[in-house]
C-alpha atoms as a PDB file:
ATOM      1  CA  MET A   1      96.731  76.642  44.693  1.00  0.00           C
ATOM      2  CA  ALA A   2      96.311  72.977  43.588  1.00  0.00           C
ATOM      3  CA  GLU A   3      99.620  71.341  44.292  1.00  0.00           C
ATOM      4  CA  GLU A   4      99.424  69.976  40.291  1.00  0.00           C
ATOM      5  CA  SER A   5     100.048  73.947  39.425  1.00  0.00           C
ATOM      6  CA  ARG A   6     102.893  74.740  41.869  1.00  0.00           C
ATOM      7  CA  ASP A   7     106.039  75.441  40.431  1.00  0.00           C
ATOM      8  CA  TRP A   8     108.500  73.083  42.222  1.00  0.00           C
ATOM      9  CA  ASP A   9     111.393  74.211  40.159  1.00  0.00           C
ATOM     10  CA  ASP A  10     111.011  77.801  41.432  1.00  0.00           C
ATOM     11  CA  ALA A  11     110.426  76.335  44.843  1.00  0.00           C
ATOM     12  CA  TYR A  12     113.890  75.032  44.860  1.00  0.00           C
ATOM     13  CA  ALA A  13     115.568  78.113  43.187  1.00  0.00           C
ATOM     14  CA  ASN A  14     117.902  79.660  45.664  1.00  0.00           C
ATOM     15  CA  GLY A  15     120.170  81.659  43.130  1.00  0.00           C
ATOM     16  CA  ALA A  16     117.844  83.337  41.581  1.00  0.00           C
ATOM     17  CA  TYR A  17     116.498  85.279  44.474  1.00  0.00           C
ATOM     18  CA  ILE A  18     119.760  86.512  45.749  1.00  0.00           C
ATOM     19  CA  PRO A  19     121.182  89.574  44.967  1.00  0.00           C
ATOM     20  CA  GLY A  20     124.890  88.867  43.596  1.00  0.00           C
ATOM     21  CA  ALA A  21     124.177  85.211  43.738  1.00  0.00           C
ATOM     22  CA  ALA A  22     127.101  84.454  41.161  1.00  0.00           C
ATOM     23  CA  ASP A  23     129.583  86.223  43.470  1.00  0.00           C
ATOM     24  CA  TYR A  24     129.455  83.666  46.522  1.00  0.00           C
ATOM     25  CA  PRO A  25     131.266  80.800  45.283  1.00  0.00           C
ATOM     26  CA  PRO A  26     134.613  82.532  44.519  1.00  0.00           C
ATOM     27  CA  ARG A  27     134.271  84.410  47.696  1.00  0.00           C
ATOM     28  CA  TRP A  28     133.502  81.136  49.723  1.00  0.00           C
ATOM     29  CA  ILE A  29     136.868  79.766  47.876  1.00  0.00           C
ATOM     30  CA  ALA A  30     138.946  83.040  48.955  1.00  0.00           C
ATOM     31  CA  ALA A  31     138.016  82.664  52.547  1.00  0.00           C
ATOM     32  CA  ALA A  32     138.295  78.838  52.653  1.00  0.00           C
ATOM     33  CA  THR A  33     141.911  78.867  51.264  1.00  0.00           C
ATOM     34  CA  ALA A  34     143.394  81.661  53.161  1.00  0.00           C
ATOM     35  CA  PHE A  35     142.191  79.812  56.184  1.00  0.00           C
ATOM     36  CA  LYS A  36     143.611  76.660  55.023  1.00  0.00           C
ATOM     37  CA  ASP A  37     146.881  78.165  54.671  1.00  0.00           C
ATOM     38  CA  LYS A  38     146.466  79.555  57.887  1.00  0.00           C
ATOM     39  CA  MET A  39     146.317  76.655  59.601  1.00  0.00           C
ATOM     40  CA  GLY A  40     149.277  74.713  58.774  1.00  0.00           C
ATOM     41  CA  GLY A  41     150.024  71.432  60.624  1.00  0.00           C
ATOM     42  CA  ARG A  42     146.625  71.964  62.543  1.00  0.00           C
ATOM     43  CA  HIS A  43     144.718  70.669  59.094  1.00  0.00           C
ATOM     44  CA  SER A  44     144.806  67.167  57.987  1.00  0.00           C
ATOM     45  CA  VAL A  45     143.010  64.962  55.528  1.00  0.00           C
ATOM     46  CA  ILE A  46     141.819  61.692  56.613  1.00  0.00           C
ATOM     47  CA  ARG A  47     140.547  58.681  54.118  1.00  0.00           C
ATOM     48  CA  TYR A  48     137.308  57.006  55.475  1.00  0.00           C
ATOM     49  CA  GLY A  49     136.799  54.730  51.997  1.00  0.00           C
ATOM     50  CA  ALA A  50     137.839  53.612  48.689  1.00  0.00           C
ATOM     51  CA  GLY A  51     136.253  56.320  46.796  1.00  0.00           C
ATOM     52  CA  GLU A  52     137.975  59.310  45.098  1.00  0.00           C
ATOM     53  CA  ARG A  53     136.043  61.669  47.268  1.00  0.00           C
ATOM     54  CA  ASN A  54     136.133  59.567  50.293  1.00  0.00           C
ATOM     55  CA  LEU A  55     137.815  62.216  52.295  1.00  0.00           C
ATOM     56  CA  VAL A  56     137.450  64.423  55.535  1.00  0.00           C
ATOM     57  CA  ASP A  57     139.138  67.809  56.343  1.00  0.00           C
ATOM     58  CA  LEU A  58     139.939  67.854  59.976  1.00  0.00           C
ATOM     59  CA  PHE A  59     141.031  70.402  61.737  1.00  0.00           C
ATOM     60  CA  ARG A  60     142.630  70.448  65.380  1.00  0.00           C
ATOM     61  CA  PRO A  61     142.201  73.160  67.984  1.00  0.00           C
ATOM     62  CA  LEU A  62     144.642  74.281  70.466  1.00  0.00           C
ATOM     63  CA  GLY A  63     144.832  71.935  73.056  1.00  0.00           C
ATOM     64  CA  THR A  64     142.537  69.070  73.539  1.00  0.00           C
ATOM     65  CA  PRO A  65     139.479  69.164  71.899  1.00  0.00           C
ATOM     66  CA  LYS A  66     136.313  69.497  73.652  1.00  0.00           C
ATOM     67  CA  GLY A  67     134.701  67.075  70.865  1.00  0.00           C
ATOM     68  CA  LEU A  68     134.142  66.570  67.629  1.00  0.00           C
ATOM     69  CA  ALA A  69     132.190  69.091  65.367  1.00  0.00           C
ATOM     70  CA  VAL A  70     131.189  68.347  61.740  1.00  0.00           C
ATOM     71  CA  PHE A  71     129.796  70.534  59.061  1.00  0.00           C
ATOM     72  CA  VAL A  72     128.290  68.794  55.793  1.00  0.00           C
ATOM     73  CA  HIS A  73     128.338  71.049  52.943  1.00  0.00           C
ATOM     74  CA  GLY A  74     125.324  71.607  50.392  1.00  0.00           C
ATOM     75  CA  GLY A  75     124.772  71.649  46.733  1.00  0.00           C
ATOM     76  CA  TYR A  76     121.572  69.520  46.098  1.00  0.00           C
ATOM     77  CA  TRP A  77     123.889  66.207  46.540  1.00  0.00           C
ATOM     78  CA  MET A  78     125.271  66.913  42.989  1.00  0.00           C
ATOM     79  CA  ARG A  79     127.789  70.052  43.636  1.00  0.00           C
ATOM     80  CA  PHE A  80     130.700  71.458  45.786  1.00  0.00           C
ATOM     81  CA  ASP A  81     133.216  69.901  48.277  1.00  0.00           C
ATOM     82  CA  PRO A  82     134.352  71.251  51.079  1.00  0.00           C
ATOM     83  CA  SER A  83     137.121  73.633  49.570  1.00  0.00           C
ATOM     84  CA  TYR A  84     134.290  76.388  49.522  1.00  0.00           C
ATOM     85  CA  TRP A  85     133.933  76.309  52.948  1.00  0.00           C
ATOM     86  CA  LEU A  86     136.649  75.296  55.495  1.00  0.00           C
ATOM     87  CA  HIS A  87     136.441  79.042  56.931  1.00  0.00           C
ATOM     88  CA  LEU A  88     133.474  77.654  58.787  1.00  0.00           C
ATOM     89  CA  ALA A  89     135.662  75.600  60.974  1.00  0.00           C
ATOM     90  CA  ALA A  90     136.811  78.839  62.497  1.00  0.00           C
ATOM     91  CA  GLY A  91     134.248  79.540  64.698  1.00  0.00           C
ATOM     92  CA  ALA A  92     134.221  75.955  66.424  1.00  0.00           C
ATOM     93  CA  MET A  93     137.601  75.753  66.544  1.00  0.00           C
ATOM     94  CA  ASP A  94     137.720  78.875  68.443  1.00  0.00           C
ATOM     95  CA  ARG A  95     135.340  77.267  70.846  1.00  0.00           C
ATOM     96  CA  GLY A  96     137.965  74.302  71.311  1.00  0.00           C
ATOM     97  CA  TRP A  97     136.306  71.982  69.065  1.00  0.00           C
ATOM     98  CA  ALA A  98     137.929  69.503  66.417  1.00  0.00           C
ATOM     99  CA  VAL A  99     135.850  70.011  62.943  1.00  0.00           C
ATOM    100  CA  GLY A 100     135.819  68.074  60.352  1.00  0.00           C
ATOM    101  CA  LEU A 101     134.502  68.305  56.748  1.00  0.00           C
ATOM    102  CA  PRO A 102     133.634  65.560  54.858  1.00  0.00           C
ATOM    103  CA  THR A 103     133.867  65.111  51.138  1.00  0.00           C
ATOM    104  CA  TYR A 104     131.193  62.879  49.555  1.00  0.00           C
ATOM    105  CA  THR A 105     130.520  61.209  46.089  1.00  0.00           C
ATOM    106  CA  LEU A 106     128.311  63.120  44.205  1.00  0.00           C
ATOM    107  CA  ALA A 107     124.984  62.576  42.376  1.00  0.00           C
ATOM    108  CA  PRO A 108     124.568  61.009  40.013  1.00  0.00           C
ATOM    109  CA  GLU A 109     127.238  58.840  40.246  1.00  0.00           C
ATOM    110  CA  ILE A 110     125.564  57.253  43.613  1.00  0.00           C
ATOM    111  CA  ARG A 111     122.080  57.733  45.106  1.00  0.00           C
ATOM    112  CA  ILE A 112     121.200  59.807  48.009  1.00  0.00           C
ATOM    113  CA  SER A 113     120.870  57.132  50.213  1.00  0.00           C
ATOM    114  CA  GLU A 114     124.484  55.919  49.234  1.00  0.00           C
ATOM    115  CA  ILE A 115     125.567  59.338  49.988  1.00  0.00           C
ATOM    116  CA  THR A 116     124.157  58.680  53.303  1.00  0.00           C
ATOM    117  CA  GLN A 117     125.651  55.779  53.614  1.00  0.00           C
ATOM    118  CA  GLU A 118     129.156  57.535  53.007  1.00  0.00           C
ATOM    119  CA  ILE A 119     128.209  60.537  55.549  1.00  0.00           C
ATOM    120  CA  GLY A 120     127.766  57.341  58.228  1.00  0.00           C
ATOM    121  CA  GLN A 121     131.227  55.799  57.233  1.00  0.00           C
ATOM    122  CA  ALA A 122     132.855  59.667  57.216  1.00  0.00           C
ATOM    123  CA  LEU A 123     131.489  60.358  60.941  1.00  0.00           C
ATOM    124  CA  ALA A 124     132.749  57.110  61.935  1.00  0.00           C
ATOM    125  CA  SER A 125     136.372  57.435  60.901  1.00  0.00           C
ATOM    126  CA  ALA A 126     136.449  61.213  62.000  1.00  0.00           C
ATOM    127  CA  ALA A 127     135.145  60.093  65.381  1.00  0.00           C
ATOM    128  CA  GLU A 128     138.018  57.640  65.630  1.00  0.00           C
ATOM    129  CA  GLN A 129     140.244  60.404  65.740  1.00  0.00           C
ATOM    130  CA  ILE A 130     138.711  62.678  68.034  1.00  0.00           C
ATOM    131  CA  ASP A 131     136.979  61.978  71.910  1.00  0.00           C
ATOM    132  CA  GLY A 132     133.884  63.315  73.086  1.00  0.00           C
ATOM    133  CA  PRO A 133     130.671  64.530  72.207  1.00  0.00           C
ATOM    134  CA  ILE A 134     130.040  65.269  68.611  1.00  0.00           C
ATOM    135  CA  HIS A 135     127.888  68.004  66.945  1.00  0.00           C
ATOM    136  CA  LEU A 136     126.523  67.719  63.539  1.00  0.00           C
ATOM    137  CA  ALA A 137     125.673  70.706  61.533  1.00  0.00           C
ATOM    138  CA  GLY A 138     124.887  70.644  57.866  1.00  0.00           C
ATOM    139  CA  HIS A 139     123.731  73.260  55.060  1.00  0.00           C
ATOM    140  CA  SER A 140     120.968  72.445  52.545  1.00  0.00           C
ATOM    141  CA  ALA A 141     121.709  68.934  51.402  1.00  0.00           C
ATOM    142  CA  GLY A 142     124.026  68.623  54.162  1.00  0.00           C
ATOM    143  CA  GLY A 143     120.922  69.794  56.579  1.00  0.00           C
ATOM    144  CA  HIS A 144     119.153  66.593  55.031  1.00  0.00           C
ATOM    145  CA  LEU A 145     122.334  64.487  55.784  1.00  0.00           C
ATOM    146  CA  VAL A 146     123.127  65.399  59.375  1.00  0.00           C
ATOM    147  CA  SER A 147     119.215  64.966  60.188  1.00  0.00           C
ATOM    148  CA  ARG A 148     119.662  61.696  58.770  1.00  0.00           C
ATOM    149  CA  MET A 149     122.524  60.706  61.304  1.00  0.00           C
ATOM    150  CA  ALA A 150     120.127  61.528  64.064  1.00  0.00           C
ATOM    151  CA  CYS A 151     117.585  58.842  62.878  1.00  0.00           C
ATOM    152  CA  VAL A 152     117.112  55.455  64.033  1.00  0.00           C
ATOM    153  CA  ASP A 153     118.378  53.549  61.184  1.00  0.00           C
ATOM    154  CA  ALA A 154     121.537  55.827  60.523  1.00  0.00           C
ATOM    155  CA  PRO A 155     124.352  53.988  59.201  1.00  0.00           C
ATOM    156  CA  LEU A 156     126.289  54.695  62.407  1.00  0.00           C
ATOM    157  CA  PRO A 157     128.089  52.450  64.983  1.00  0.00           C
ATOM    158  CA  GLU A 158     125.927  52.659  67.813  1.00  0.00           C
ATOM    159  CA  ALA A 159     129.029  53.880  69.811  1.00  0.00           C
ATOM    160  CA  VAL A 160     129.351  56.580  67.509  1.00  0.00           C
ATOM    161  CA  ALA A 161     125.572  57.239  67.408  1.00  0.00           C
ATOM    162  CA  GLU A 162     125.579  57.793  71.122  1.00  0.00           C
ATOM    163  CA  ARG A 163     128.018  60.558  71.070  1.00  0.00           C
ATOM    164  CA  VAL A 164     126.097  62.503  69.078  1.00  0.00           C
ATOM    165  CA  ALA A 165     124.740  65.264  71.227  1.00  0.00           C
ATOM    166  CA  ARG A 166     123.433  67.980  68.959  1.00  0.00           C
ATOM    167  CA  VAL A 167     122.299  68.628  65.583  1.00  0.00           C
ATOM    168  CA  LEU A 168     122.014  71.662  63.474  1.00  0.00           C
ATOM    169  CA  SER A 169     120.392  71.284  60.286  1.00  0.00           C
ATOM    170  CA  ILE A 170     120.811  74.811  58.371  1.00  0.00           C
ATOM    171  CA  SER A 171     117.861  75.399  55.743  1.00  0.00           C
ATOM    172  CA  GLY A 172     117.481  71.615  55.269  1.00  0.00           C
ATOM    173  CA  VAL A 173     115.741  69.464  52.725  1.00  0.00           C
ATOM    174  CA  HIS A 174     113.870  67.145  55.210  1.00  0.00           C
ATOM    175  CA  ASP A 175     111.274  65.931  52.969  1.00  0.00           C
ATOM    176  CA  LEU A 176     112.533  64.791  49.487  1.00  0.00           C
ATOM    177  CA  ARG A 177     109.304  64.085  47.655  1.00  0.00           C
ATOM    178  CA  PRO A 178     108.838  67.608  46.139  1.00  0.00           C
ATOM    179  CA  LEU A 179     111.866  66.902  44.707  1.00  0.00           C
ATOM    180  CA  ARG A 180     110.793  64.582  42.578  1.00  0.00           C
ATOM    181  CA  ARG A 181     108.649  66.927  40.858  1.00  0.00           C
ATOM    182  CA  THR A 182     111.587  68.974  39.799  1.00  0.00           C
ATOM    183  CA  ALA A 183     114.347  69.130  37.273  1.00  0.00           C
ATOM    184  CA  LEU A 184     116.872  68.202  39.933  1.00  0.00           C
ATOM    185  CA  ASN A 185     115.603  64.726  39.538  1.00  0.00           C
ATOM    186  CA  HIS A 186     116.477  64.256  36.347  1.00  0.00           C
ATOM    187  CA  THR A 187     120.421  64.042  37.550  1.00  0.00           C
ATOM    188  CA  LEU A 188     119.249  62.759  41.546  1.00  0.00           C
ATOM    189  CA  GLY A 189     116.417  60.159  40.382  1.00  0.00           C
ATOM    190  CA  ILE A 190     114.747  59.974  43.650  1.00  0.00           C
ATOM    191  CA  THR A 191     111.987  57.504  43.374  1.00  0.00           C
ATOM    192  CA  ALA A 192     108.956  57.194  45.691  1.00  0.00           C
ATOM    193  CA  ALA A 193     110.618  54.542  47.480  1.00  0.00           C
ATOM    194  CA  GLU A 194     113.960  56.229  48.594  1.00  0.00           C
ATOM    195  CA  ALA A 195     111.892  59.440  49.148  1.00  0.00           C
ATOM    196  CA  GLU A 196     110.254  57.836  51.955  1.00  0.00           C
ATOM    197  CA  ALA A 197     113.469  55.930  53.174  1.00  0.00           C
ATOM    198  CA  GLU A 198     115.593  58.733  52.954  1.00  0.00           C
ATOM    199  CA  SER A 199     113.096  61.604  54.350  1.00  0.00           C
ATOM    200  CA  PRO A 200     114.154  62.651  57.871  1.00  0.00           C
ATOM    201  CA  CYS A 201     110.326  63.785  58.530  1.00  0.00           C
ATOM    202  CA  LEU A 202     109.323  60.496  57.701  1.00  0.00           C
ATOM    203  CA  LEU A 203     111.632  58.821  59.657  1.00  0.00           C
ATOM    204  CA  ILE A 204     111.716  57.953  63.535  1.00  0.00           C
ATOM    205  CA  PRO A 205     114.764  59.770  65.602  1.00  0.00           C
ATOM    206  CA  ARG A 206     116.896  58.558  68.019  1.00  0.00           C
ATOM    207  CA  GLU A 207     115.740  58.795  71.743  1.00  0.00           C
ATOM    208  CA  GLY A 208     116.993  62.035  73.344  1.00  0.00           C
ATOM    209  CA  THR A 209     117.993  63.800  69.697  1.00  0.00           C
ATOM    210  CA  ASP A 210     118.711  67.439  70.401  1.00  0.00           C
ATOM    211  CA  LEU A 211     117.732  69.306  66.999  1.00  0.00           C
ATOM    212  CA  VAL A 212     118.135  72.950  65.988  1.00  0.00           C
ATOM    213  CA  CYS A 213     116.467  73.556  62.286  1.00  0.00           C
ATOM    214  CA  TRP A 214     117.671  76.837  61.454  1.00  0.00           C
ATOM    215  CA  VAL A 215     116.964  78.601  57.955  1.00  0.00           C
ATOM    216  CA  GLY A 216     117.160  82.324  56.988  1.00  0.00           C
ATOM    217  CA  ALA A 217     114.187  84.409  57.136  1.00  0.00           C
ATOM    218  CA  ASP A 218     114.821  85.978  53.649  1.00  0.00           C
ATOM    219  CA  GLU A 219     114.460  82.081  52.355  1.00  0.00           C
ATOM    220  CA  ARG A 220     112.365  81.000  49.682  1.00  0.00           C
ATOM    221  CA  PRO A 221     109.225  79.780  51.181  1.00  0.00           C
ATOM    222  CA  GLU A 222     109.465  76.445  50.693  1.00  0.00           C
ATOM    223  CA  PHE A 223     113.147  76.185  52.664  1.00  0.00           C
ATOM    224  CA  ILE A 224     111.244  77.917  55.464  1.00  0.00           C
ATOM    225  CA  ARG A 225     108.557  75.340  55.431  1.00  0.00           C
ATOM    226  CA  GLN A 226     110.792  72.459  55.324  1.00  0.00           C
ATOM    227  CA  ASN A 227     112.684  73.863  58.121  1.00  0.00           C
ATOM    228  CA  ALA A 228     109.508  74.148  60.407  1.00  0.00           C
ATOM    229  CA  LEU A 229     108.432  70.839  59.070  1.00  0.00           C
ATOM    230  CA  LEU A 230     111.112  68.447  60.636  1.00  0.00           C
ATOM    231  CA  ALA A 231     111.278  70.457  64.063  1.00  0.00           C
ATOM    232  CA  ASN A 232     107.366  70.110  63.972  1.00  0.00           C
ATOM    233  CA  VAL A 233     107.418  66.390  63.280  1.00  0.00           C
ATOM    234  CA  TRP A 234     110.089  65.035  65.617  1.00  0.00           C
ATOM    235  CA  THR A 235     108.378  67.109  68.334  1.00  0.00           C
ATOM    236  CA  GLY A 236     105.990  63.930  68.942  1.00  0.00           C
ATOM    237  CA  PHE A 237     109.289  61.696  69.989  1.00  0.00           C
ATOM    238  CA  ASP A 238     111.556  61.797  72.805  1.00  0.00           C
ATOM    239  CA  THR A 239     113.410  64.632  71.348  1.00  0.00           C
ATOM    240  CA  ILE A 240     114.143  68.250  71.981  1.00  0.00           C
ATOM    241  CA  THR A 241     113.523  70.350  68.887  1.00  0.00           C
ATOM    242  CA  LEU A 242     113.716  74.266  67.938  1.00  0.00           C
ATOM    243  CA  ALA A 243     112.951  76.127  64.772  1.00  0.00           C
ATOM    244  CA  VAL A 244     114.848  79.344  64.162  1.00  0.00           C
ATOM    245  CA  GLU A 245     114.364  81.603  61.249  1.00  0.00           C
ATOM    246  CA  ASP A 246     117.438  84.096  61.112  1.00  0.00           C
ATOM    247  CA  PRO A 247     116.425  87.534  60.415  1.00  0.00           C
ATOM    248  CA  GLY A 248     117.878  89.136  57.124  1.00  0.00           C
ATOM    249  CA  LYS A 249     119.510  86.150  56.158  1.00  0.00           C
ATOM    250  CA  HIS A 250     119.143  84.117  52.565  1.00  0.00           C
ATOM    251  CA  HIS A 251     120.221  80.783  51.671  1.00  0.00           C
ATOM    252  CA  PHE A 252     123.885  82.302  50.662  1.00  0.00           C
ATOM    253  CA  ASP A 253     124.542  83.950  53.710  1.00  0.00           C
ATOM    254  CA  VAL A 254     122.843  81.911  56.367  1.00  0.00           C
ATOM    255  CA  ILE A 255     125.967  79.907  57.300  1.00  0.00           C
ATOM    256  CA  ASP A 256     128.071  82.804  57.434  1.00  0.00           C
ATOM    257  CA  GLY A 257     127.716  83.023  61.229  1.00  0.00           C
ATOM    258  CA  LEU A 258     129.805  79.364  61.439  1.00  0.00           C
ATOM    259  CA  ALA A 259     133.165  81.160  61.355  1.00  0.00           C
ATOM    260  CA  ASP A 260     132.495  83.321  64.211  1.00  0.00           C
ATOM    261  CA  ALA A 261     132.597  82.028  67.724  1.00  0.00           C
ATOM    262  CA  GLU A 262     130.092  84.519  69.244  1.00  0.00           C
ATOM    263  CA  SER A 263     127.436  84.259  66.569  1.00  0.00           C
ATOM    264  CA  PRO A 264     123.868  83.218  67.733  1.00  0.00           C
ATOM    265  CA  ILE A 265     123.835  79.932  64.836  1.00  0.00           C
ATOM    266  CA  MET A 266     127.223  79.058  67.114  1.00  0.00           C
ATOM    267  CA  GLN A 267     125.401  79.491  70.018  1.00  0.00           C
ATOM    268  CA  ALA A 268     122.806  77.472  69.091  1.00  0.00           C
ATOM    269  CA  TRP A 269     124.910  74.660  67.657  1.00  0.00           C
ATOM    270  CA  MET A 270     127.459  74.331  70.610  1.00  0.00           C
ATOM    271  CA  GLU A 271     125.626  75.692  73.850  1.00  0.00           C
END
């Protein structure tokens, strides 16, 4: 099929292909709220910038943290905040890690390149609170953002970048160029130059990057392609890469395992 005739809006439409898709957000919020209420004094919020959404929810485990795990939410850079997914901190906390979930300013208020800068600031601020290695995970647009943090031009202090020991991109969007052909770009406003500058698959990873690209096997074909793409391209550098297709999982439930310390996705992130 010629590229010009490809339906790019359909390629990136997740909810339309997930039964009961509308039920997921209220379910996420209920689980996240219950988890936050249970944490009490082990939960705090730190500010990393002057923007209204420049905040990080930080959860501390019992005892001294083994390191810092950071989860960046998705929503095509234009929707949501961590209040939908705070419960996903449970798996890493049960393994003894502190967990940070940053909130970032959404498009179209700022550009994707500026969101990248905010995630770098959020990570640096959270790293000041917690010692040890840093493991990053992100879902969908969040997968893009954590992959950007592994690039040589990531907006991170060198001391923080050196602590990043593993990156888990879940259903990540690693090539922004196709999104310019979608209705999403009416909000995102991605230019050709920005797509090239912000697509991890077109950038150079830091030496020693340890990357896991994880996607649900029942996701849209375009997400499966994007998942394999980054692991493939970065194999040509001084990196360790792995691409996984999780059987029976779709775009909305592929992240559920982060709440379970012993799940396969948690083992891939932490071990």
